[in-house]
N, C-alpha and C. Protein backbone atom coordinates (compact mmCIF):
# COMPACT_ATOMS: atom_id res chain seq x y z
N MET A 1 50.90 45.66 44.36
CA MET A 1 51.71 46.21 44.10
C MET A 1 52.09 48.30 44.96
N THR A 2 50.43 48.77 45.06
CA THR A 2 50.00 49.89 45.41
C THR A 2 51.29 50.71 46.70
N TYR A 3 50.79 48.73 47.91
CA TYR A 3 51.74 49.05 49.11
C TYR A 3 53.33 49.59 48.29
N LEU A 4 53.89 50.00 47.57
CA LEU A 4 55.71 50.43 47.72
C LEU A 4 55.04 51.08 47.53
N LEU A 5 54.27 51.84 47.58
CA LEU A 5 53.84 53.63 47.20
C LEU A 5 54.42 54.28 48.46
N PRO A 6 55.10 55.32 48.33
CA PRO A 6 55.10 55.94 50.15
C PRO A 6 53.09 57.09 49.64
N THR A 7 53.00 56.91 49.43
CA THR A 7 51.66 57.65 49.07
C THR A 7 50.86 56.61 49.31
N THR A 8 50.72 55.73 49.38
CA THR A 8 49.22 54.98 49.73
C THR A 8 49.07 55.25 50.86
N PRO A 9 47.42 55.26 51.36
CA PRO A 9 47.34 54.65 53.16
C PRO A 9 47.29 53.73 53.73
N ILE A 10 48.33 53.49 54.65
CA ILE A 10 47.61 52.40 55.39
C ILE A 10 46.48 52.01 56.78
N THR A 11 45.79 51.38 56.33
CA THR A 11 44.92 51.07 57.14
C THR A 11 44.68 50.10 58.04
N ASN A 12 45.30 48.61 58.23
CA ASN A 12 45.72 48.12 59.17
C ASN A 12 47.20 46.63 59.48
N GLU A 13 46.82 46.35 59.43
CA GLU A 13 48.25 45.95 60.05
C GLU A 13 49.12 45.34 58.87
N ALA A 14 48.45 44.28 58.31
CA ALA A 14 49.19 43.40 56.62
C ALA A 14 49.59 44.02 55.82
N GLU A 15 49.05 45.61 55.61
CA GLU A 15 48.26 46.64 54.88
C GLU A 15 50.54 47.51 55.17
N ALA A 16 50.57 47.02 56.73
CA ALA A 16 51.69 48.06 57.41
C ALA A 16 52.85 46.77 57.11
N THR A 17 52.50 46.21 57.17
CA THR A 17 53.91 44.39 57.28
C THR A 17 53.91 44.93 55.87
N LYS A 18 53.16 45.49 54.67
CA LYS A 18 54.19 45.04 53.41
C LYS A 18 54.39 46.14 52.84
N ALA A 19 53.91 47.23 53.82
CA ALA A 19 55.30 48.40 53.28
C ALA A 19 56.31 48.14 53.90
N ALA A 20 56.35 47.50 55.09
CA ALA A 20 58.33 47.80 56.28
C ALA A 20 58.55 47.27 54.91
N ARG A 21 57.78 46.19 54.04
CA ARG A 21 58.42 44.62 53.89
C ARG A 21 59.44 46.16 52.55
N ALA A 22 59.03 46.87 52.20
CA ALA A 22 59.76 47.78 50.90
C ALA A 22 60.73 48.05 51.54
N SER A 23 60.75 48.68 52.64
CA SER A 23 63.06 48.90 52.69
C SER A 23 63.50 47.47 52.62
N ALA A 24 63.21 45.98 52.87
CA ALA A 24 63.47 44.58 52.24
C ALA A 24 63.99 44.75 51.48
N ILE A 25 62.59 44.70 50.37
CA ILE A 25 63.05 44.67 48.77
C ILE A 25 64.03 46.33 47.83
N ALA A 26 63.72 46.68 48.68
CA ALA A 26 64.74 47.61 48.20
C ALA A 26 66.87 47.46 48.47
N ILE A 27 66.54 46.85 49.69
CA ILE A 27 68.46 46.27 49.76
C ILE A 27 68.24 45.47 48.92
N LEU A 28 67.28 44.19 48.19
CA LEU A 28 67.24 43.20 47.10
C LEU A 28 67.50 43.33 46.16
N ILE A 29 67.31 44.67 45.61
CA ILE A 29 67.28 44.96 44.13
C ILE A 29 69.16 46.14 44.40
N GLY A 30 69.65 45.96 45.84
CA GLY A 30 70.79 46.20 45.82
C GLY A 30 71.67 45.24 45.53
N VAL A 31 70.75 44.39 45.86
CA VAL A 31 71.86 42.58 46.47
C VAL A 31 72.33 41.97 44.63
N ILE A 32 71.28 42.48 44.02
CA ILE A 32 70.49 41.98 42.35
C ILE A 32 71.48 43.26 41.15
N TYR A 33 70.73 44.57 41.33
CA TYR A 33 72.72 45.98 41.42
C TYR A 33 73.79 44.41 41.76
N GLY A 34 74.47 44.69 42.55
CA GLY A 34 75.50 44.75 43.63
C GLY A 34 76.36 43.54 42.39
N VAL A 35 75.42 41.92 42.35
CA VAL A 35 75.65 40.41 41.87
C VAL A 35 76.35 41.41 40.55
N PHE A 36 75.68 42.28 39.14
CA PHE A 36 75.35 41.71 37.95
C PHE A 36 76.91 43.15 37.75
N SER A 37 76.86 43.99 38.66
CA SER A 37 78.63 44.75 38.53
C SER A 37 79.67 43.68 39.29
N ILE A 38 79.54 43.14 40.25
CA ILE A 38 80.54 41.85 40.11
C ILE A 38 80.44 41.65 39.02
N ILE A 39 79.78 40.79 38.45
CA ILE A 39 79.75 40.07 37.35
C ILE A 39 79.92 40.65 36.19
N LEU A 40 79.60 42.33 35.93
CA LEU A 40 80.11 43.09 35.13
C LEU A 40 81.91 43.30 34.84
N THR A 41 82.12 43.27 36.24
CA THR A 41 83.48 43.90 36.32
C THR A 41 84.67 42.62 36.31
N TRP A 42 83.94 41.07 36.62
CA TRP A 42 84.88 40.32 36.00
C TRP A 42 84.73 39.67 34.97
N THR A 43 84.29 39.50 34.60
CA THR A 43 83.99 39.40 33.06
C THR A 43 84.81 40.87 31.79
N SER A 44 84.49 41.71 32.68
CA SER A 44 85.32 43.02 31.97
C SER A 44 87.08 43.32 32.66
N MET A 45 87.74 42.49 32.85
CA MET A 45 89.02 42.34 34.16
C MET A 45 89.52 42.32 33.64
N ALA A 46 90.25 41.66 32.12
CA ALA A 46 91.07 42.37 31.44
C ALA A 46 90.79 44.22 30.48
N ALA A 47 90.48 44.14 30.65
CA ALA A 47 90.55 45.87 30.00
C ALA A 47 90.63 47.54 31.29
N ILE A 48 90.04 46.22 32.84
CA ILE A 48 89.95 47.32 33.77
C ILE A 48 91.13 46.55 34.52
N LYS A 49 91.81 45.79 34.16
CA LYS A 49 93.39 45.51 34.76
C LYS A 49 94.51 46.50 33.85
N ALA A 50 93.95 46.31 32.14
CA ALA A 50 95.31 47.06 31.58
C ALA A 50 95.04 48.59 31.62
N ALA A 51 94.38 49.22 31.85
CA ALA A 51 93.46 50.45 32.29
C ALA A 51 93.88 50.99 33.31
N ALA A 52 93.30 50.35 34.34
CA ALA A 52 95.12 50.86 35.30
C ALA A 52 95.72 50.65 36.04
N THR A 53 96.44 49.58 34.99
CA THR A 53 97.72 49.03 34.79
C THR A 53 98.76 50.87 33.98
N ALA A 54 97.71 50.88 33.41
CA ALA A 54 97.87 52.94 32.33
C ALA A 54 98.02 53.65 32.77
N SER A 55 96.97 53.59 34.00
CA SER A 55 97.05 55.34 34.62
C SER A 55 97.78 55.00 36.53
N ALA A 56 99.06 53.47 36.98
CA ALA A 56 99.28 53.90 38.33
C ALA A 56 101.51 53.69 37.46
N ALA A 57 100.09 53.51 35.74
CA ALA A 57 102.77 53.39 35.06
C ALA A 57 102.80 55.21 35.05
N ALA A 58 101.52 56.05 34.89
CA ALA A 58 101.86 57.02 34.54
C ALA A 58 102.14 58.30 35.38
N SER A 59 101.10 57.66 36.67
CA SER A 59 101.55 57.99 38.23
C SER A 59 102.28 57.74 38.27
N ALA A 60 103.11 57.22 38.19
CA ALA A 60 104.71 56.07 39.29
C ALA A 60 105.33 56.93 39.62
N GLN A 61 105.69 56.39 40.62
CA GLN A 61 107.60 57.63 41.03
C GLN A 61 108.64 56.28 40.50
N PRO A 62 110.12 57.18 40.38
CA PRO A 62 111.05 56.65 40.09
C PRO A 62 111.44 55.65 41.63
N GLY A 63 111.69 53.97 40.96
CA GLY A 63 111.99 53.88 42.50
C GLY A 63 110.57 52.97 43.28
N GLY A 64 109.25 53.32 42.66
CA GLY A 64 108.28 52.90 43.69
C GLY A 64 108.28 50.81 43.30
N PRO A 65 106.53 51.05 43.20
CA PRO A 65 106.34 49.79 43.31
C PRO A 65 105.74 49.47 42.00
N ASP A 66 105.48 48.79 41.56
CA ASP A 66 106.15 47.37 39.98
C ASP A 66 103.92 48.83 39.78
N ALA A 67 103.55 49.06 38.74
CA ALA A 67 102.29 49.77 38.17
C ALA A 67 102.26 48.65 37.79
N ALA A 68 102.07 47.31 37.50
CA ALA A 68 100.97 45.83 37.33
C ALA A 68 100.11 45.41 38.35
N MET A 69 102.43 45.62 38.97
CA MET A 69 101.24 45.14 40.65
C MET A 69 100.55 45.86 41.26
N VAL A 70 100.22 47.10 41.42
CA VAL A 70 99.31 47.98 42.15
C VAL A 70 98.18 47.90 41.36
N ALA A 71 97.55 47.57 39.92
CA ALA A 71 97.12 47.96 39.61
C ALA A 71 95.42 46.76 39.71
N GLU A 72 96.60 45.42 39.68
CA GLU A 72 95.91 43.73 40.43
C GLU A 72 96.44 44.51 41.45
N VAL A 73 96.54 44.73 42.79
CA VAL A 73 96.00 44.78 43.58
C VAL A 73 95.12 45.06 44.07
N ALA A 74 94.78 47.17 43.19
CA ALA A 74 93.76 47.62 43.78
C ALA A 74 91.90 47.00 43.19
N VAL A 75 92.80 46.07 41.79
CA VAL A 75 91.11 45.95 40.89
C VAL A 75 90.87 45.24 41.88
N GLN A 76 91.90 43.71 42.40
CA GLN A 76 91.38 42.46 42.61
C GLN A 76 90.45 43.41 44.63
N SER A 77 91.01 44.16 45.16
CA SER A 77 91.03 44.35 46.21
C SER A 77 89.23 44.80 46.19
N ALA A 78 89.18 46.11 44.91
CA ALA A 78 87.75 46.22 45.06
C ALA A 78 87.17 45.64 44.76
N LEU A 79 87.18 43.86 43.38
CA LEU A 79 86.03 43.01 43.04
C LEU A 79 86.18 42.62 44.83
N TRP A 80 86.56 41.86 45.47
CA TRP A 80 86.54 41.52 46.94
C TRP A 80 85.49 41.97 47.83
N MET A 81 86.21 43.83 47.78
CA MET A 81 85.03 44.05 48.64
C MET A 81 83.22 44.48 48.18
N GLY A 82 83.36 44.51 46.77
CA GLY A 82 82.44 44.79 46.78
C GLY A 82 81.49 43.53 46.46
N VAL A 83 82.35 42.32 47.08
CA VAL A 83 81.37 40.79 46.86
C VAL A 83 81.04 40.41 48.45
N GLY A 84 81.89 41.25 49.27
CA GLY A 84 82.13 41.13 50.81
C GLY A 84 80.44 41.73 51.20
N PHE A 85 80.47 43.67 50.32
CA PHE A 85 79.39 44.95 50.38
C PHE A 85 78.19 43.83 50.59
N THR A 86 78.42 42.75 48.82
CA THR A 86 76.66 42.15 48.39
C THR A 86 75.98 40.88 49.16
N VAL A 87 77.11 40.76 49.84
CA VAL A 87 77.02 39.31 50.60
C VAL A 87 76.32 40.07 52.52
N ILE A 88 76.97 41.00 52.70
CA ILE A 88 76.21 42.20 54.05
C ILE A 88 74.57 42.32 53.43
N GLN A 89 75.14 42.82 52.56
CA GLN A 89 73.44 43.22 52.03
C GLN A 89 72.20 41.94 51.56
N ALA A 90 72.48 40.91 51.61
CA ALA A 90 71.73 40.09 51.40
C ALA A 90 71.46 40.07 52.18
N ILE A 91 71.93 39.20 53.64
CA ILE A 91 72.28 39.18 54.95
C ILE A 91 70.77 40.58 56.11
N LEU A 92 70.97 41.44 55.52
CA LEU A 92 70.35 42.65 56.08
C LEU A 92 69.79 42.59 54.91
N ALA A 93 68.97 42.43 54.13
CA ALA A 93 68.10 42.17 53.53
C ALA A 93 66.95 40.55 53.97
N PHE A 94 67.06 40.11 54.39
CA PHE A 94 66.02 38.61 54.38
C PHE A 94 66.45 38.85 57.10
N VAL A 95 67.58 39.82 57.34
CA VAL A 95 66.69 40.83 58.50
C VAL A 95 65.97 41.71 58.22
N GLN A 96 65.49 42.73 57.43
CA GLN A 96 64.46 43.36 56.81
C GLN A 96 63.56 42.45 57.06
N TRP A 97 63.53 41.83 56.26
CA TRP A 97 62.04 40.91 55.78
C TRP A 97 61.47 40.51 56.82
N ARG A 98 62.35 40.25 57.48
CA ARG A 98 61.45 39.04 59.36
C ARG A 98 61.11 39.74 59.59
N ARG A 99 62.38 40.87 60.28
CA ARG A 99 62.04 41.97 61.19
C ARG A 99 62.18 42.93 60.78
N PRO A 100 61.39 43.60 60.25
CA PRO A 100 61.67 45.35 60.05
C PRO A 100 62.09 46.24 60.97
N ASN A 101 62.92 47.30 60.25
CA ASN A 101 63.40 47.53 61.58
C ASN A 101 63.94 48.98 61.46
N LYS A 102 64.06 50.27 61.54
CA LYS A 102 63.98 51.33 61.77
C LYS A 102 65.77 52.03 61.04
N ILE A 103 66.27 51.22 61.90
CA ILE A 103 67.63 52.01 62.30
C ILE A 103 68.16 51.26 60.70
N ILE A 104 67.45 50.04 60.65
CA ILE A 104 68.65 49.49 58.68
C ILE A 104 68.17 50.65 57.88
N ALA A 105 67.30 50.26 57.58
CA ALA A 105 66.49 51.38 56.87
C ALA A 105 67.28 52.47 56.80
N ILE A 106 67.01 53.59 57.96
CA ILE A 106 67.61 55.56 57.60
C ILE A 106 68.97 54.44 57.12
N ILE A 107 70.19 53.30 57.88
CA ILE A 107 71.36 53.42 57.67
C ILE A 107 71.37 53.62 56.19
N PHE A 108 70.20 52.65 55.30
CA PHE A 108 71.15 51.89 53.62
C PHE A 108 69.27 53.61 52.66
N LEU A 109 69.25 54.20 53.39
CA LEU A 109 68.65 55.79 52.95
C LEU A 109 69.67 57.15 53.07
N CYS A 110 70.82 57.22 53.65
CA CYS A 110 71.73 57.77 53.84
C CYS A 110 72.79 57.74 53.27
N LEU A 111 73.15 55.73 53.23
CA LEU A 111 73.78 55.19 52.14
C LEU A 111 73.59 55.77 50.95
N ILE A 112 72.49 55.75 50.59
CA ILE A 112 72.04 56.32 48.77
C ILE A 112 71.65 57.60 48.65
N ALA A 113 70.89 58.38 49.42
CA ALA A 113 71.73 59.63 49.67
C ALA A 113 73.16 59.90 49.27
N PHE A 114 73.54 58.94 50.47
CA PHE A 114 75.73 59.87 49.25
C PHE A 114 76.27 58.76 48.30
N GLY A 115 75.26 57.89 47.31
CA GLY A 115 76.41 57.17 46.66
C GLY A 115 74.83 58.21 45.48
N ILE A 116 73.64 58.55 45.45
CA ILE A 116 73.91 59.80 44.93
C ILE A 116 74.00 60.87 44.50
N LEU A 117 75.12 61.55 45.28
CA LEU A 117 75.15 63.22 45.72
C LEU A 117 77.06 62.76 45.00
N SER A 118 77.03 61.36 46.04
CA SER A 118 79.02 61.19 45.40
C SER A 118 78.68 60.90 43.60
N THR A 119 78.15 60.27 43.44
CA THR A 119 77.41 60.13 42.09
C THR A 119 77.37 61.50 40.90
N LEU A 120 75.76 61.98 41.25
CA LEU A 120 76.62 63.05 40.00
C LEU A 120 77.58 64.00 40.16
N ALA A 121 78.05 64.06 42.14
CA ALA A 121 79.32 65.15 41.88
C ALA A 121 80.32 64.80 41.04
N SER A 122 80.39 63.45 41.33
CA SER A 122 81.34 62.82 40.49
C SER A 122 81.24 62.80 38.35
N VAL A 123 80.06 62.24 37.74
CA VAL A 123 79.62 63.24 36.59
C VAL A 123 79.77 64.55 36.30
N ALA A 124 79.74 64.76 37.20
CA ALA A 124 79.92 66.53 37.30
C ALA A 124 81.36 66.98 36.89
N MET A 125 81.90 66.57 37.52
CA MET A 125 82.91 66.82 38.54
C MET A 125 84.04 66.11 37.06
N MET A 126 83.57 65.26 36.18
CA MET A 126 84.64 64.74 35.35
C MET A 126 84.26 65.28 34.24
N SER A 127 83.06 65.88 33.48
CA SER A 127 82.44 66.69 32.32
C SER A 127 82.52 67.75 32.88
N SER A 128 82.91 68.57 33.44
CA SER A 128 83.93 69.41 34.19
C SER A 128 85.61 69.70 33.57
N GLY A 129 86.02 68.39 33.78
CA GLY A 129 87.33 68.62 33.00
C GLY A 129 88.19 68.54 34.61
N ALA A 130 87.35 68.84 35.34
CA ALA A 130 88.49 68.05 37.26
C ALA A 130 88.98 67.42 37.44
N ILE A 131 88.10 66.29 36.79
CA ILE A 131 88.88 64.76 36.88
C ILE A 131 89.50 64.86 35.64
N PRO A 132 90.92 64.38 35.47
CA PRO A 132 92.09 63.74 34.43
C PRO A 132 91.41 62.53 34.07
N THR A 133 90.25 62.11 33.29
CA THR A 133 90.26 60.88 32.85
C THR A 133 90.93 60.57 32.51
N GLY A 134 92.17 60.82 30.67
CA GLY A 134 92.87 59.70 30.10
C GLY A 134 92.93 58.78 29.95
N SER A 135 93.73 57.71 31.35
CA SER A 135 94.21 56.97 30.42
C SER A 135 93.13 56.18 31.35
N ALA A 136 92.84 56.78 33.11
CA ALA A 136 92.27 56.55 34.00
C ALA A 136 91.04 55.02 33.29
N PRO A 137 90.46 53.93 34.35
CA PRO A 137 89.14 53.31 33.89
C PRO A 137 88.33 53.90 34.47
N THR A 138 87.22 54.39 33.45
CA THR A 138 85.73 55.00 34.58
C THR A 138 84.94 53.70 34.01
N THR A 139 83.90 54.35 34.52
CA THR A 139 82.55 53.36 34.09
C THR A 139 81.70 54.16 33.13
N PRO A 140 80.62 53.16 32.56
CA PRO A 140 80.39 53.91 30.81
C PRO A 140 78.89 54.24 31.40
N MET A 141 78.49 54.98 30.84
CA MET A 141 77.90 56.24 31.44
C MET A 141 76.68 55.48 31.35
N TRP A 142 76.08 54.86 30.63
CA TRP A 142 75.53 53.82 30.24
C TRP A 142 74.42 53.03 32.01
N GLN A 143 76.22 52.58 33.05
CA GLN A 143 75.94 52.02 34.18
C GLN A 143 76.17 53.37 35.49
N ILE A 144 76.08 54.28 34.88
CA ILE A 144 76.94 55.65 35.83
C ILE A 144 74.13 55.61 35.74
N VAL A 145 73.73 56.23 35.42
CA VAL A 145 72.22 56.27 34.32
C VAL A 145 71.58 55.15 35.35
N LEU A 146 71.98 53.82 35.36
CA LEU A 146 71.82 52.86 35.46
C LEU A 146 71.71 52.86 36.33
N GLY A 147 73.17 53.20 37.98
CA GLY A 147 73.01 53.13 38.87
C GLY A 147 71.89 53.62 39.68
N LEU A 148 71.90 55.13 39.05
CA LEU A 148 71.86 56.53 39.65
C LEU A 148 69.73 56.49 39.71
N VAL A 149 69.52 55.11 38.72
CA VAL A 149 67.49 54.75 38.75
C VAL A 149 67.65 53.77 40.20
N VAL A 150 68.88 52.70 40.04
CA VAL A 150 68.23 51.20 41.43
C VAL A 150 68.05 52.47 42.36
N MET A 151 69.25 53.48 42.43
CA MET A 151 69.15 54.77 43.48
C MET A 151 68.53 55.14 43.94
N VAL A 152 67.56 55.40 42.66
CA VAL A 152 66.16 56.95 43.37
C VAL A 152 64.86 55.19 43.45
N VAL A 153 65.46 54.49 42.88
CA VAL A 153 63.94 52.82 43.12
C VAL A 153 64.27 52.83 44.40
N GLU A 154 65.65 52.87 45.34
CA GLU A 154 65.59 51.96 46.48
C GLU A 154 65.24 53.16 47.93
N ALA A 155 65.89 53.95 46.76
CA ALA A 155 65.13 55.79 48.92
C ALA A 155 63.81 55.80 48.06
N VAL A 156 62.82 55.52 47.75
CA VAL A 156 61.70 55.63 47.19
C VAL A 156 60.78 54.33 48.42
N LEU A 157 61.44 51.98 47.95
CA LEU A 157 61.32 51.85 48.36
C LEU A 157 61.58 52.01 50.40
N HIS A 158 62.56 52.53 50.23
CA HIS A 158 63.56 52.68 51.95
C HIS A 158 61.48 53.65 52.97
N ILE A 159 61.51 54.25 51.65
CA ILE A 159 60.36 55.94 52.63
C ILE A 159 59.38 55.14 52.45
N THR A 160 59.23 54.32 51.72
CA THR A 160 57.95 53.22 52.42
C THR A 160 58.21 51.95 52.97
N GLY A 161 59.12 52.34 53.57
CA GLY A 161 60.05 51.06 54.63
C GLY A 161 59.89 51.94 56.18
N LEU A 162 59.95 52.85 55.69
CA LEU A 162 60.15 53.57 57.04
C LEU A 162 57.82 54.24 57.35
N LYS A 163 57.89 53.98 56.34
CA LYS A 163 56.08 54.84 57.07
C LYS A 163 55.34 52.95 57.06
N GLY A 164 55.37 52.17 56.55
CA GLY A 164 55.02 50.73 57.18
C GLY A 164 55.17 50.75 58.23
N ILE A 165 57.10 50.46 58.38
CA ILE A 165 57.31 50.14 60.32
C ILE A 165 56.58 50.70 60.96
N SER A 166 56.94 52.57 60.75
CA SER A 166 56.33 53.71 61.92
C SER A 166 54.24 52.82 62.12
N LYS A 167 54.00 52.90 61.47
CA LYS A 167 52.96 52.45 60.70
C LYS A 167 52.29 51.05 61.48
N LEU A 168 53.20 49.91 61.03
CA LEU A 168 53.30 48.81 62.58
C LEU A 168 53.75 49.28 63.75
N ASP A 169 54.47 50.07 64.06
CA ASP A 169 54.88 49.75 64.64
C ASP A 169 53.50 50.57 65.86
N LYS A 170 53.19 51.10 65.86
CA LYS A 170 51.86 52.19 65.91
C LYS A 170 50.52 51.03 66.49
N ILE A 171 50.50 50.67 65.30
CA ILE A 171 49.30 49.20 65.52
C ILE A 171 49.40 48.44 67.04
N GLN A 172 50.90 48.00 66.76
CA GLN A 172 51.09 46.50 67.19
C GLN A 172 51.19 47.27 68.76
N MET A 173 51.76 49.17 68.93
CA MET A 173 51.55 48.93 70.26
C MET A 173 50.67 49.63 71.06
N GLU A 174 49.24 50.37 69.97
CA GLU A 174 47.45 50.15 70.49
C GLU A 174 46.79 48.84 70.28
N ALA A 175 47.43 47.76 70.06
CA ALA A 175 46.72 46.51 70.49
C ALA A 175 47.69 46.64 71.65
N ALA A 176 48.75 46.34 71.60
CA ALA A 176 49.45 46.26 73.88
C ALA A 176 48.15 46.40 74.61
N ASN A 177 48.88 48.07 73.53
CA ASN A 177 47.98 48.80 75.70
C ASN A 177 46.36 48.39 75.20
N ALA A 178 45.52 47.32 75.04
CA ALA A 178 43.80 47.88 73.95
C ALA A 178 44.36 46.18 75.09
N ALA A 179 45.24 45.22 74.95
CA ALA A 179 44.89 44.65 76.20
C ALA A 179 44.86 44.84 76.93
N TYR A 180 45.44 45.71 78.08
CA TYR A 180 45.55 45.89 79.31
C TYR A 180 43.98 46.83 79.94
């Protein structure tokens, strides 16, 4: 398991392949966390809809759309977008495992960095009172912390994956050049 750490030296093609696949493992961890979040949302649907309805009703304009309908559409859209993104992640995890790719690892590393920064900014804004939480549905703090931990682990694995992919490319290029 030490091949999953970015500080582990890579000396041969087998080690480079294992390190390169750390990126796929990171994406798979994201898929597992996505499934967990979908199940959590699905099982809490009534409470989420009630909070979203109350929030929509508090900000509704006279003669505007029905708050319950707006909340229903918002909650269902968020749930199915989560399912869609989780399926896309699963496909990319498979692709990354079969043929490790720098571009996929870099894209996910950027998305993780954005996720960490936006989560920290949201928590800071909520705790300072800049975002009124009132009747709006909020994510429990344990889930926010778990999400941050997952993203940090994924970032470390993607960094390891990038190191492995680079070393694998170098080893394969040297082998190809030696063949001439």
